[in-house]
């Protein structure tokens, strides 16, 4: 089976037929499935969509049960948590719906962890980290673009000289480099390559 466009988050099952991993959709399985928009809704109270999955959390005064339902809790109501809570050995603890969030100093609200600046993010070579609320994703470095080749997606160098996105002078030639480009004044001209006289 060969899938010309590839199956980003799935596997190729037949000629250009992808079987997506749970939490993903689309012809090439490249789109995140928003489980929170499904009918019936997967969460009883509130739902937060995440990359390839989702998280349930409860309204204040309720606690999240292991099966994803919300049960009334007087002690949780008193805790005034932003995203619901759990009771462990009689102790009330506020919850955050994602590993990319942490409890704030007040112990009730959740604040974002910037995985990009704390070094928790893992992005492969020539990809840069972009922080999001509760998570992060890896984007191609400037001068590179995402292309599908030989069975997987990769960040490949953009040839600015071919795509005409360089700013070289009319009297200069463009030289493509890995992730960038250079401008060199033509014979008989002098300058930076951006300005030639």
C-alpha atoms as a PDB file:
ATOM      1  CA  UNK A   1       0.000   0.000   0.000  1.00  0.00           C
ATOM      2  CA  UNK A   2       1.353   3.411  -0.914  1.00  0.00           C
ATOM      3  CA  UNK A   3      -0.067   6.708   0.200  1.00  0.00           C
ATOM      4  CA  UNK A   4       1.305   9.478  -2.004  1.00  0.00           C
ATOM      5  CA  UNK A   5       0.572  12.234   0.490  1.00  0.00           C
ATOM      6  CA  UNK A   6       1.515  10.098   3.487  1.00  0.00           C
ATOM      7  CA  UNK A   7      -0.399   9.432   6.694  1.00  0.00           C
ATOM      8  CA  UNK A   8       0.917  11.900   9.288  1.00  0.00           C
ATOM      9  CA  UNK A   9      -0.806  10.412  12.365  1.00  0.00           C
ATOM     10  CA  UNK A  10      -1.980   7.072  11.004  1.00  0.00           C
ATOM     11  CA  UNK A  11      -0.991   4.193   8.774  1.00  0.00           C
ATOM     12  CA  UNK A  12      -1.391   3.467   5.090  1.00  0.00           C
ATOM     13  CA  UNK A  13      -3.971   0.684   4.536  1.00  0.00           C
ATOM     14  CA  UNK A  14      -4.421   0.753   0.758  1.00  0.00           C
ATOM     15  CA  UNK A  15      -3.747   2.980  -2.234  1.00  0.00           C
ATOM     16  CA  UNK A  16      -4.052   6.505  -0.738  1.00  0.00           C
ATOM     17  CA  UNK A  17      -6.225   5.180   2.141  1.00  0.00           C
ATOM     18  CA  UNK A  18      -5.146   6.166   5.637  1.00  0.00           C
ATOM     19  CA  UNK A  19      -6.326   4.642   8.915  1.00  0.00           C
ATOM     20  CA  UNK A  20      -5.948   7.395  11.502  1.00  0.00           C
ATOM     21  CA  UNK A  21      -4.675   6.868  15.022  1.00  0.00           C
ATOM     22  CA  UNK A  22      -7.298   7.721  17.703  1.00  0.00           C
ATOM     23  CA  UNK A  23      -7.675  11.479  18.073  1.00  0.00           C
ATOM     24  CA  UNK A  24      -6.798  12.343  14.463  1.00  0.00           C
ATOM     25  CA  UNK A  25      -8.805  12.813  11.272  1.00  0.00           C
ATOM     26  CA  UNK A  26      -8.526  13.952   7.646  1.00  0.00           C
ATOM     27  CA  UNK A  27      -7.498  12.311   4.376  1.00  0.00           C
ATOM     28  CA  UNK A  28      -3.846  12.208   5.464  1.00  0.00           C
ATOM     29  CA  UNK A  29      -4.593  12.026   9.234  1.00  0.00           C
ATOM     30  CA  UNK A  30      -2.920  15.408   9.686  1.00  0.00           C
ATOM     31  CA  UNK A  31      -5.767  17.115  11.580  1.00  0.00           C
ATOM     32  CA  UNK A  32      -6.465  16.930  15.287  1.00  0.00           C
ATOM     33  CA  UNK A  33      -9.947  15.553  15.990  1.00  0.00           C
ATOM     34  CA  UNK A  34     -11.862  17.878  18.326  1.00  0.00           C
ATOM     35  CA  UNK A  35     -13.411  15.232  20.593  1.00  0.00           C
ATOM     36  CA  UNK A  36     -15.189  17.979  22.561  1.00  0.00           C
ATOM     37  CA  UNK A  37     -17.413  18.625  19.516  1.00  0.00           C
ATOM     38  CA  UNK A  38     -18.506  14.979  19.169  1.00  0.00           C
ATOM     39  CA  UNK A  39     -22.026  13.785  19.962  1.00  0.00           C
ATOM     40  CA  UNK A  40     -22.516  12.360  22.549  1.00  0.00           C
ATOM     41  CA  UNK A  41     -20.058  14.651  24.332  1.00  0.00           C
ATOM     42  CA  UNK A  42     -17.204  12.717  25.964  1.00  0.00           C
ATOM     43  CA  UNK A  43     -17.278  14.801  29.165  1.00  0.00           C
ATOM     44  CA  UNK A  44     -20.145  15.433  31.540  1.00  0.00           C
ATOM     45  CA  UNK A  45     -19.307  19.064  32.388  1.00  0.00           C
ATOM     46  CA  UNK A  46     -16.373  20.694  30.621  1.00  0.00           C
ATOM     47  CA  UNK A  47     -14.091  19.426  27.894  1.00  0.00           C
ATOM     48  CA  UNK A  48     -10.660  20.680  26.801  1.00  0.00           C
ATOM     49  CA  UNK A  49      -9.362  19.548  23.419  1.00  0.00           C
ATOM     50  CA  UNK A  50      -5.655  18.624  23.318  1.00  0.00           C
ATOM     51  CA  UNK A  51      -3.379  17.512  20.455  1.00  0.00           C
ATOM     52  CA  UNK A  52      -4.611  13.998  19.596  1.00  0.00           C
ATOM     53  CA  UNK A  53      -6.747  13.701  22.735  1.00  0.00           C
ATOM     54  CA  UNK A  54      -8.919  15.604  25.241  1.00  0.00           C
ATOM     55  CA  UNK A  55      -9.315  16.197  28.976  1.00  0.00           C
ATOM     56  CA  UNK A  56     -12.481  16.348  31.073  1.00  0.00           C
ATOM     57  CA  UNK A  57     -12.901  18.582  34.077  1.00  0.00           C
ATOM     58  CA  UNK A  58     -15.778  19.477  36.344  1.00  0.00           C
ATOM     59  CA  UNK A  59     -17.536  22.636  37.436  1.00  0.00           C
ATOM     60  CA  UNK A  60     -16.711  24.003  40.849  1.00  0.00           C
ATOM     61  CA  UNK A  61     -18.333  21.954  43.596  1.00  0.00           C
ATOM     62  CA  UNK A  62     -17.917  18.696  41.678  1.00  0.00           C
ATOM     63  CA  UNK A  63     -15.075  16.255  41.453  1.00  0.00           C
ATOM     64  CA  UNK A  64     -13.894  14.183  38.500  1.00  0.00           C
ATOM     65  CA  UNK A  65     -14.501  10.466  38.869  1.00  0.00           C
ATOM     66  CA  UNK A  66     -12.231   7.834  37.222  1.00  0.00           C
ATOM     67  CA  UNK A  67     -14.890   7.175  34.519  1.00  0.00           C
ATOM     68  CA  UNK A  68     -14.936  10.870  33.482  1.00  0.00           C
ATOM     69  CA  UNK A  69     -18.237  11.738  35.189  1.00  0.00           C
ATOM     70  CA  UNK A  70     -18.602  14.494  37.767  1.00  0.00           C
ATOM     71  CA  UNK A  71     -19.811  13.798  41.297  1.00  0.00           C
ATOM     72  CA  UNK A  72     -21.060  16.444  43.706  1.00  0.00           C
ATOM     73  CA  UNK A  73     -18.688  17.230  46.543  1.00  0.00           C
ATOM     74  CA  UNK A  74     -19.326  19.667  49.334  1.00  0.00           C
ATOM     75  CA  UNK A  75     -15.658  19.897  50.195  1.00  0.00           C
ATOM     76  CA  UNK A  76     -14.770  20.598  46.555  1.00  0.00           C
ATOM     77  CA  UNK A  77     -17.367  23.389  46.518  1.00  0.00           C
ATOM     78  CA  UNK A  78     -15.560  25.030  49.402  1.00  0.00           C
ATOM     79  CA  UNK A  79     -12.152  24.730  47.702  1.00  0.00           C
ATOM     80  CA  UNK A  80     -13.244  26.995  44.809  1.00  0.00           C
ATOM     81  CA  UNK A  81     -11.031  25.307  42.157  1.00  0.00           C
ATOM     82  CA  UNK A  82     -10.847  26.609  38.575  1.00  0.00           C
ATOM     83  CA  UNK A  83     -10.918  23.152  36.955  1.00  0.00           C
ATOM     84  CA  UNK A  84     -12.561  20.907  39.562  1.00  0.00           C
ATOM     85  CA  UNK A  85     -10.836  18.881  42.224  1.00  0.00           C
ATOM     86  CA  UNK A  86     -10.185  15.468  43.717  1.00  0.00           C
ATOM     87  CA  UNK A  87     -10.258  14.239  47.269  1.00  0.00           C
ATOM     88  CA  UNK A  88      -7.295  12.171  48.391  1.00  0.00           C
ATOM     89  CA  UNK A  89      -7.495  10.743  51.929  1.00  0.00           C
ATOM     90  CA  UNK A  90      -9.879  13.500  52.982  1.00  0.00           C
ATOM     91  CA  UNK A  91      -7.596  16.202  51.540  1.00  0.00           C
ATOM     92  CA  UNK A  92      -8.984  18.373  48.736  1.00  0.00           C
ATOM     93  CA  UNK A  93      -6.632  19.010  45.829  1.00  0.00           C
ATOM     94  CA  UNK A  94      -7.386  21.246  42.839  1.00  0.00           C
ATOM     95  CA  UNK A  95      -6.707  19.750  39.395  1.00  0.00           C
ATOM     96  CA  UNK A  96      -5.293  21.042  36.117  1.00  0.00           C
ATOM     97  CA  UNK A  97      -6.619  19.397  32.928  1.00  0.00           C
ATOM     98  CA  UNK A  98      -3.237  19.140  31.196  1.00  0.00           C
ATOM     99  CA  UNK A  99       0.369  18.280  32.040  1.00  0.00           C
ATOM    100  CA  UNK A 100       1.349  21.601  30.464  1.00  0.00           C
ATOM    101  CA  UNK A 101      -0.497  23.480  33.222  1.00  0.00           C
ATOM    102  CA  UNK A 102       0.415  23.790  36.880  1.00  0.00           C
ATOM    103  CA  UNK A 103      -1.411  25.020  39.950  1.00  0.00           C
ATOM    104  CA  UNK A 104      -0.797  28.687  40.604  1.00  0.00           C
ATOM    105  CA  UNK A 105       0.415  30.106  43.930  1.00  0.00           C
ATOM    106  CA  UNK A 106      -3.194  30.251  45.224  1.00  0.00           C
ATOM    107  CA  UNK A 107      -3.564  26.466  44.730  1.00  0.00           C
ATOM    108  CA  UNK A 108      -6.883  26.955  42.884  1.00  0.00           C
ATOM    109  CA  UNK A 109      -6.165  28.346  39.408  1.00  0.00           C
ATOM    110  CA  UNK A 110      -3.980  26.793  36.699  1.00  0.00           C
ATOM    111  CA  UNK A 111      -1.156  28.641  35.002  1.00  0.00           C
ATOM    112  CA  UNK A 112       0.639  27.705  31.790  1.00  0.00           C
ATOM    113  CA  UNK A 113       4.059  26.050  31.848  1.00  0.00           C
ATOM    114  CA  UNK A 114       6.190  27.461  29.027  1.00  0.00           C
ATOM    115  CA  UNK A 115       7.819  24.213  27.859  1.00  0.00           C
ATOM    116  CA  UNK A 116       9.898  26.156  25.315  1.00  0.00           C
ATOM    117  CA  UNK A 117      11.734  28.280  27.895  1.00  0.00           C
ATOM    118  CA  UNK A 118      11.983  25.600  30.629  1.00  0.00           C
ATOM    119  CA  UNK A 119      13.618  23.126  28.221  1.00  0.00           C
ATOM    120  CA  UNK A 120      10.876  20.494  28.760  1.00  0.00           C
ATOM    121  CA  UNK A 121       9.937  20.615  25.074  1.00  0.00           C
ATOM    122  CA  UNK A 122      11.525  18.108  22.720  1.00  0.00           C
ATOM    123  CA  UNK A 123      11.783  19.407  19.156  1.00  0.00           C
ATOM    124  CA  UNK A 124      13.987  17.724  16.593  1.00  0.00           C
ATOM    125  CA  UNK A 125      16.879  19.457  14.836  1.00  0.00           C
ATOM    126  CA  UNK A 126      15.796  22.383  12.564  1.00  0.00           C
ATOM    127  CA  UNK A 127      12.449  22.736  14.362  1.00  0.00           C
ATOM    128  CA  UNK A 128      11.591  25.480  16.838  1.00  0.00           C
ATOM    129  CA  UNK A 129       9.286  25.286  19.824  1.00  0.00           C
ATOM    130  CA  UNK A 130       6.035  27.290  19.958  1.00  0.00           C
ATOM    131  CA  UNK A 131       4.339  27.484  23.365  1.00  0.00           C
ATOM    132  CA  UNK A 132       0.535  27.134  23.617  1.00  0.00           C
ATOM    133  CA  UNK A 133      -1.752  27.236  26.655  1.00  0.00           C
ATOM    134  CA  UNK A 134      -1.282  23.856  28.348  1.00  0.00           C
ATOM    135  CA  UNK A 135       1.064  22.475  25.692  1.00  0.00           C
ATOM    136  CA  UNK A 136       3.467  23.286  22.817  1.00  0.00           C
ATOM    137  CA  UNK A 137       4.186  22.266  19.241  1.00  0.00           C
ATOM    138  CA  UNK A 138       7.265  22.107  17.012  1.00  0.00           C
ATOM    139  CA  UNK A 139       7.430  24.297  13.914  1.00  0.00           C
ATOM    140  CA  UNK A 140      10.033  24.370  11.145  1.00  0.00           C
ATOM    141  CA  UNK A 141      12.840  26.873  11.713  1.00  0.00           C
ATOM    142  CA  UNK A 142      12.764  30.029   9.564  1.00  0.00           C
ATOM    143  CA  UNK A 143      14.152  29.209   6.131  1.00  0.00           C
ATOM    144  CA  UNK A 144      12.674  25.682   6.217  1.00  0.00           C
ATOM    145  CA  UNK A 145       9.239  24.314   5.235  1.00  0.00           C
ATOM    146  CA  UNK A 146       7.352  21.112   6.063  1.00  0.00           C
ATOM    147  CA  UNK A 147       7.448  18.639   3.153  1.00  0.00           C
ATOM    148  CA  UNK A 148       6.375  15.012   2.840  1.00  0.00           C
ATOM    149  CA  UNK A 149       9.085  12.823   1.324  1.00  0.00           C
ATOM    150  CA  UNK A 150      10.098   9.137   1.454  1.00  0.00           C
ATOM    151  CA  UNK A 151       7.427   8.129   3.955  1.00  0.00           C
ATOM    152  CA  UNK A 152       7.541  10.949   6.489  1.00  0.00           C
ATOM    153  CA  UNK A 153       7.309  14.700   7.080  1.00  0.00           C
ATOM    154  CA  UNK A 154      10.524  16.693   7.290  1.00  0.00           C
ATOM    155  CA  UNK A 155      11.616  20.297   7.494  1.00  0.00           C
ATOM    156  CA  UNK A 156      13.481  20.973   4.260  1.00  0.00           C
ATOM    157  CA  UNK A 157      15.454  24.026   3.208  1.00  0.00           C
ATOM    158  CA  UNK A 158      13.540  26.693   1.264  1.00  0.00           C
ATOM    159  CA  UNK A 159      15.487  27.788  -1.826  1.00  0.00           C
ATOM    160  CA  UNK A 160      14.841  31.539  -1.597  1.00  0.00           C
ATOM    161  CA  UNK A 161      16.609  32.073  -4.946  1.00  0.00           C
ATOM    162  CA  UNK A 162      14.002  29.904  -6.739  1.00  0.00           C
ATOM    163  CA  UNK A 163      10.942  31.038  -4.770  1.00  0.00           C
ATOM    164  CA  UNK A 164      11.987  34.676  -5.340  1.00  0.00           C
ATOM    165  CA  UNK A 165      11.679  35.528  -1.649  1.00  0.00           C
ATOM    166  CA  UNK A 166      15.237  36.972  -1.527  1.00  0.00           C
ATOM    167  CA  UNK A 167      15.955  40.705  -1.385  1.00  0.00           C
ATOM    168  CA  UNK A 168      19.098  40.670  -3.531  1.00  0.00           C
ATOM    169  CA  UNK A 169      19.943  43.720  -5.615  1.00  0.00           C
ATOM    170  CA  UNK A 170      19.102  43.729  -9.313  1.00  0.00           C
ATOM    171  CA  UNK A 171      22.869  43.634 -10.005  1.00  0.00           C
ATOM    172  CA  UNK A 172      23.564  40.760  -7.602  1.00  0.00           C
ATOM    173  CA  UNK A 173      23.203  37.009  -7.770  1.00  0.00           C
ATOM    174  CA  UNK A 174      21.406  34.967  -5.159  1.00  0.00           C
ATOM    175  CA  UNK A 175      23.148  31.955  -3.579  1.00  0.00           C
ATOM    176  CA  UNK A 176      21.016  29.502  -1.612  1.00  0.00           C
ATOM    177  CA  UNK A 177      22.388  28.306   1.743  1.00  0.00           C
ATOM    178  CA  UNK A 178      21.021  25.826   4.304  1.00  0.00           C
ATOM    179  CA  UNK A 179      18.108  27.672   5.946  1.00  0.00           C
ATOM    180  CA  UNK A 180      18.966  31.018   4.345  1.00  0.00           C
ATOM    181  CA  UNK A 181      20.570  32.713   1.299  1.00  0.00           C
ATOM    182  CA  UNK A 182      23.376  35.086   0.361  1.00  0.00           C
ATOM    183  CA  UNK A 183      23.610  37.910  -2.167  1.00  0.00           C
ATOM    184  CA  UNK A 184      26.791  38.600  -4.107  1.00  0.00           C
ATOM    185  CA  UNK A 185      27.256  41.624  -6.380  1.00  0.00           C
ATOM    186  CA  UNK A 186      27.872  40.699 -10.025  1.00  0.00           C
ATOM    187  CA  UNK A 187      31.204  41.395 -11.721  1.00  0.00           C
ATOM    188  CA  UNK A 188      31.788  45.120 -12.149  1.00  0.00           C
ATOM    189  CA  UNK A 189      29.638  45.982  -9.094  1.00  0.00           C
ATOM    190  CA  UNK A 190      30.577  46.453  -5.467  1.00  0.00           C
ATOM    191  CA  UNK A 191      28.500  46.357  -2.279  1.00  0.00           C
ATOM    192  CA  UNK A 192      26.734  44.140   0.241  1.00  0.00           C
ATOM    193  CA  UNK A 193      24.698  42.225  -2.332  1.00  0.00           C
ATOM    194  CA  UNK A 194      21.569  44.038  -1.151  1.00  0.00           C
ATOM    195  CA  UNK A 195      23.079  47.305  -2.398  1.00  0.00           C
ATOM    196  CA  UNK A 196      25.348  47.146  -5.442  1.00  0.00           C
ATOM    197  CA  UNK A 197      26.981  50.130  -7.170  1.00  0.00           C
END
